[in-house]
Protein backbone atom coordinates (compact mmCIF):
# COMPACT_ATOMS: atom_id res chain seq x y z
CA MET A 1 55.86 -49.37 88.55
CA CYS A 2 54.38 -51.84 91.31
CA VAL A 3 55.43 -51.16 94.62
CA ILE A 4 54.40 -53.65 97.31
CA LYS A 5 54.67 -53.00 100.91
CA TRP A 6 54.08 -55.74 103.55
CA VAL A 7 54.65 -54.88 107.72
CA SER A 8 56.04 -57.56 110.09
CA GLY A 9 55.19 -57.82 113.42
CA TYR A 10 58.12 -59.88 114.41
CA GLN A 11 59.31 -58.87 117.75
CA MET A 12 62.78 -57.95 116.98
CA THR A 13 63.70 -56.53 120.02
CA LYS A 14 62.19 -56.25 123.72
CA LEU A 15 60.15 -53.83 121.96
CA ASN A 16 57.30 -54.45 119.51
CA ASN A 17 59.05 -53.00 116.10
CA ASP A 18 56.95 -53.40 112.91
CA ALA A 19 59.60 -53.90 110.07
CA GLU A 20 58.66 -52.78 106.83
CA PHE A 21 59.76 -54.38 103.50
CA GLN A 22 59.35 -52.53 100.19
CA PHE A 23 59.90 -54.64 97.13
CA GLN A 24 59.67 -53.26 93.41
CA ALA A 25 58.53 -55.20 90.55
CA ILE A 26 61.48 -56.21 88.11
CA GLY A 27 59.07 -57.17 85.08
CA TYR A 28 55.63 -58.07 84.21
CA ILE A 29 54.04 -61.28 82.50
CA GLN A 30 52.31 -61.12 79.24
CA SER A 31 50.13 -64.25 79.31
CA CYS A 32 47.47 -66.42 77.27
CA TYR A 33 45.59 -66.46 80.55
CA LYS A 34 43.59 -63.00 80.55
CA GLU A 35 41.77 -63.86 83.80
CA LYS A 36 42.53 -65.76 86.92
CA PHE A 37 39.44 -68.26 85.83
CA GLY A 38 41.20 -70.85 84.02
CA VAL A 39 44.50 -70.52 85.10
CA PRO A 40 45.82 -74.13 86.22
CA ARG A 41 46.18 -74.42 89.86
CA GLN A 42 50.09 -75.38 89.35
CA PRO A 43 52.61 -74.45 86.96
CA GLY A 44 53.59 -77.00 84.36
CA LEU A 45 50.08 -78.89 84.05
CA ALA A 46 49.72 -76.76 80.63
CA PRO A 47 52.71 -77.35 78.51
CA ALA A 48 51.38 -75.40 75.84
CA ALA A 49 50.57 -72.15 77.99
CA THR A 50 53.24 -69.65 76.81
CA GLY A 51 54.15 -66.25 77.55
CA GLN A 52 57.03 -63.67 77.75
CA LEU A 53 58.51 -61.79 81.05
CA ARG A 54 59.30 -58.19 80.24
CA LEU A 55 61.95 -57.03 82.68
CA VAL A 56 61.57 -52.97 83.05
CA PRO A 57 64.13 -50.14 83.95
CA PRO A 58 66.55 -50.62 85.96
CA TYR A 59 66.58 -54.28 85.18
CA ASN A 60 65.93 -54.55 81.39
CA GLN A 61 70.01 -54.92 81.30
CA ALA A 62 71.09 -58.15 79.17
CA ALA A 63 73.98 -58.39 81.74
CA ALA A 64 71.49 -59.00 84.42
CA VAL A 65 70.47 -62.39 82.61
CA ARG A 66 74.19 -63.04 81.27
CA GLY A 67 74.31 -67.03 82.04
CA LEU A 68 70.36 -67.58 82.42
CA GLU A 69 70.60 -69.16 79.00
CA HIS A 70 72.21 -72.22 80.64
CA SER A 71 69.11 -73.06 82.47
CA SER A 72 66.30 -75.21 81.14
CA HIS A 73 63.82 -74.00 83.80
CA ILE A 74 63.73 -70.94 86.18
CA TRP A 75 61.67 -70.30 89.33
CA LEU A 76 59.40 -66.92 89.38
CA GLN A 77 58.69 -64.96 92.41
CA PHE A 78 55.57 -62.88 91.89
CA VAL A 79 52.76 -61.09 93.34
CA PHE A 80 49.27 -62.45 93.30
CA HIS A 81 48.02 -58.58 91.98
CA GLN A 82 44.30 -59.60 91.71
CA CYS A 83 44.02 -60.84 95.56
CA LEU A 84 45.76 -57.75 97.30
CA ARG A 85 42.52 -56.70 98.29
CA GLN A 86 41.20 -59.62 99.77
CA ALA A 87 41.75 -60.15 103.43
CA TRP A 88 43.92 -63.46 104.71
CA LYS A 89 42.13 -66.19 106.76
CA PRO A 90 44.41 -68.67 108.78
CA THR A 91 42.32 -71.46 107.25
CA VAL A 92 41.18 -72.01 103.54
CA ARG A 93 39.60 -74.73 101.24
CA PRO A 94 41.81 -76.18 99.11
CA PRO A 95 40.28 -77.28 95.72
CA ARG A 96 42.47 -80.25 95.87
CA LEU A 97 40.01 -81.51 99.00
CA GLY A 98 36.70 -80.69 97.29
CA GLY A 99 36.72 -77.05 98.27
CA ASN A 100 34.72 -78.51 101.51
CA GLU A 101 37.40 -79.22 103.79
CA ARG A 102 39.43 -76.60 105.70
CA VAL A 103 43.08 -76.51 106.45
CA GLY A 104 45.90 -74.29 107.62
CA VAL A 105 46.88 -71.63 104.78
CA PHE A 106 50.27 -72.35 105.30
CA ALA A 107 49.61 -76.00 104.13
CA THR A 108 48.35 -75.01 100.76
CA ARG A 109 49.53 -72.80 97.79
CA SER A 110 45.88 -70.53 98.37
CA THR A 111 46.53 -67.00 96.85
CA PHE A 112 44.72 -65.47 99.94
CA ARG A 113 48.02 -65.26 102.28
CA PRO A 114 49.33 -63.10 104.62
CA ASN A 115 51.57 -62.11 102.05
CA ALA A 116 50.14 -62.12 98.83
CA ILE A 117 53.68 -63.59 97.22
CA GLY A 118 53.99 -66.65 95.05
CA LEU A 119 56.66 -68.99 93.52
CA SER A 120 56.35 -71.11 89.90
CA VAL A 121 58.90 -73.01 88.26
CA VAL A 122 58.06 -72.59 84.50
CA LYS A 123 60.55 -73.24 81.00
CA LEU A 124 62.88 -71.13 79.89
CA ASP A 125 62.56 -71.42 76.03
CA GLN A 126 64.50 -68.69 74.94
CA ILE A 127 65.84 -64.76 75.82
CA ASP A 128 65.67 -61.95 73.99
CA THR A 129 68.28 -58.90 74.51
CA GLU A 130 67.78 -56.73 71.74
CA ASN A 131 66.67 -52.74 71.46
CA ASN A 132 67.27 -52.14 74.95
CA GLU A 133 64.79 -54.74 75.99
CA VAL A 134 65.18 -58.11 77.99
CA ILE A 135 62.12 -60.56 77.01
CA LEU A 136 62.46 -64.16 78.62
CA HIS A 137 60.00 -66.51 76.57
CA LEU A 138 58.41 -68.88 78.99
CA SER A 139 56.07 -72.03 78.56
CA GLY A 140 54.40 -74.10 81.46
CA LEU A 141 52.92 -70.92 82.77
CA ASP A 142 50.21 -70.71 85.47
CA LEU A 143 50.70 -66.94 85.60
CA VAL A 144 47.70 -64.44 84.65
CA ASP A 145 48.28 -61.47 82.15
CA GLY A 146 50.01 -58.71 83.76
CA THR A 147 51.45 -60.57 87.01
CA PRO A 148 54.38 -58.40 88.81
CA ILE A 149 57.91 -60.54 88.82
CA LEU A 150 59.78 -59.69 92.12
CA ASP A 151 62.48 -62.23 91.21
CA ILE A 152 64.00 -64.58 88.91
CA LYS A 153 66.48 -67.66 89.77
CA PRO A 154 67.50 -70.63 87.93
CA TYR A 155 66.07 -73.90 88.36
CA ILE A 156 69.06 -76.31 89.84
CA PRO A 157 67.77 -79.82 89.59
CA TYR A 158 70.55 -81.40 91.90
CA VAL A 159 69.25 -79.48 94.67
CA ASP A 160 65.66 -78.39 93.94
CA LYS A 161 64.54 -82.08 93.14
CA VAL A 162 63.79 -83.74 96.46
CA ASP A 163 63.57 -87.45 95.13
CA GLU A 164 62.28 -88.47 98.80
CA ALA A 165 59.31 -85.69 99.18
CA HIS A 166 55.84 -86.73 99.69
CA ASN A 167 52.69 -84.96 100.38
CA THR A 168 49.88 -87.14 101.60
CA MET A 169 47.39 -84.09 101.09
CA ALA A 170 48.35 -84.17 97.03
CA SER A 171 50.19 -87.63 96.75
CA ASP A 172 48.93 -88.24 93.09
CA GLN A 173 47.95 -85.84 90.02
CA PRO A 174 44.08 -84.66 90.05
CA GLU A 175 41.69 -86.77 87.58
CA ILE A 176 42.32 -85.53 83.76
CA ARG A 177 39.28 -84.70 81.98
CA ALA A 178 38.56 -85.80 78.50
CA VAL A 179 38.14 -82.76 76.37
CA ARG A 180 35.59 -82.95 73.17
CA TRP A 181 34.53 -80.74 70.56
CA THR A 182 31.31 -79.82 68.98
CA THR A 183 31.46 -79.52 65.12
CA PRO A 184 30.79 -76.00 65.39
CA ALA A 185 33.58 -75.46 67.75
CA LEU A 186 36.17 -76.93 65.50
CA GLU A 187 35.09 -74.89 62.52
CA GLU A 188 35.42 -71.80 64.58
CA LEU A 189 39.10 -73.42 66.28
CA LYS A 190 40.14 -73.71 62.37
CA ASP A 191 39.49 -70.05 61.84
CA TYR A 192 41.27 -69.14 65.13
CA GLU A 193 44.40 -71.39 64.11
CA GLN A 194 44.66 -69.62 60.65
CA LYS A 195 44.65 -65.89 62.51
CA HIS A 196 46.40 -66.82 65.51
CA GLY A 197 48.26 -70.07 65.14
CA VAL A 198 47.80 -73.47 66.97
CA PHE A 199 45.36 -73.05 69.90
CA LYS A 200 43.87 -76.58 70.59
CA ALA A 201 46.33 -77.84 72.58
CA LEU A 202 46.17 -75.17 74.91
CA VAL A 203 42.52 -75.25 75.09
CA GLU A 204 42.56 -79.06 75.76
CA GLN A 205 45.39 -78.88 78.45
CA VAL A 206 43.77 -76.19 80.09
CA LEU A 207 40.18 -77.78 80.19
CA GLN A 208 41.22 -81.28 81.02
CA GLN A 209 41.84 -79.87 84.63
CA ASP A 210 38.37 -79.15 84.67
CA PRO A 211 38.43 -75.16 86.17
CA ARG A 212 34.80 -75.24 87.56
CA PRO A 213 34.75 -74.59 91.08
CA ALA A 214 36.03 -77.99 93.12
CA TYR A 215 32.96 -78.76 94.47
CA LYS A 216 31.06 -79.02 90.81
CA LYS A 217 34.09 -81.50 90.15
CA ASN A 218 31.65 -84.44 90.01
CA GLN A 219 28.73 -82.86 88.52
CA ASP A 220 27.10 -82.74 84.95
CA GLU A 221 25.46 -79.15 84.46
CA GLU A 222 24.32 -77.21 81.51
CA LYS A 223 25.64 -74.40 82.77
CA VAL A 224 27.73 -72.55 79.84
CA TYR A 225 31.27 -71.43 81.26
CA GLY A 226 33.78 -69.38 79.69
CA ILE A 227 37.45 -68.75 79.78
CA HIS A 228 39.41 -65.99 78.26
CA LEU A 229 42.17 -67.55 76.74
CA GLY A 230 44.59 -65.58 74.09
CA GLU A 231 42.38 -64.07 72.34
CA ALA A 232 39.27 -66.18 72.37
CA ASN A 233 36.39 -66.65 74.81
CA VAL A 234 36.48 -70.63 74.96
CA GLN A 235 32.74 -71.43 75.96
CA PHE A 236 32.48 -75.20 77.39
CA LYS A 237 30.04 -77.27 79.31
CA ALA A 238 30.31 -80.57 81.74
CA ARG A 239 28.99 -83.86 80.66
CA ALA A 240 28.34 -87.04 82.01
CA GLU A 241 29.23 -90.15 79.61
CA GLU A 242 26.13 -91.62 78.36
CA THR A 243 27.24 -95.18 79.61
CA ASP A 244 28.71 -94.26 83.01
CA GLN A 245 26.94 -90.87 84.40
CA GLU A 246 29.74 -90.73 87.13
CA ARG A 247 32.43 -89.74 84.67
CA ILE A 248 32.68 -86.26 83.39
CA TYR A 249 33.81 -84.71 80.40
CA ILE A 250 34.39 -81.35 79.33
CA GLU A 251 32.73 -80.23 75.65
CA VAL A 252 34.18 -77.00 73.87
CA ILE A 253 30.67 -75.78 72.44
CA ALA A 254 32.16 -72.42 71.21
CA LEU A 255 35.07 -69.90 70.60
CA LYS A 256 33.73 -66.25 70.47
């Protein structure tokens, strides 16, 4: 059981009055992302990223999700459970700005927040309510394995989609990297897919986001990075195009 507590310093009366709010996880995510490194910074960037939300007692009742099958997408409110021990700061350096410029934490989706809660919209593929279990099958995930879920809400297009919305700090989708495979990596991929199913699309969708630290985005380097994705450690390097040294692509070198 995961119980999250926060303390608010809001002055509810003329006296200083700390209000404590207690929330209980209604379920936990089983995800293809086994660690934070490599998780896309926004939901939907890797449609092949799948997982399950398993509700826990007393919330694992079919009645609690009755009607949710009418929604193609849902909102998940969750806890950044791997960031709870790190103190928040009023300013952060978002990757979108290269990791060098500081802006206010509330102007970003940083994980290091006063209250370590997040919000993601994901695709709802299927609902299973058998054997006293409630399991939501999801895709387009950006949540690491074991993430506690606080709440579920249906995505309602006519109110949730804001056509005139804009954000000048992140007006366009980040550059997508080309992803290439070495011959040995392709052989290892073939073996992996025979045992575990289709994997190539997931690897490429994750790596084309270039999960390296933001300040290295335009650097060609010999360092080997590894992402624990599914049942494999995906090892890769960032390479520069021979004909254009400023164009970086991602090369998958091994699946371990």
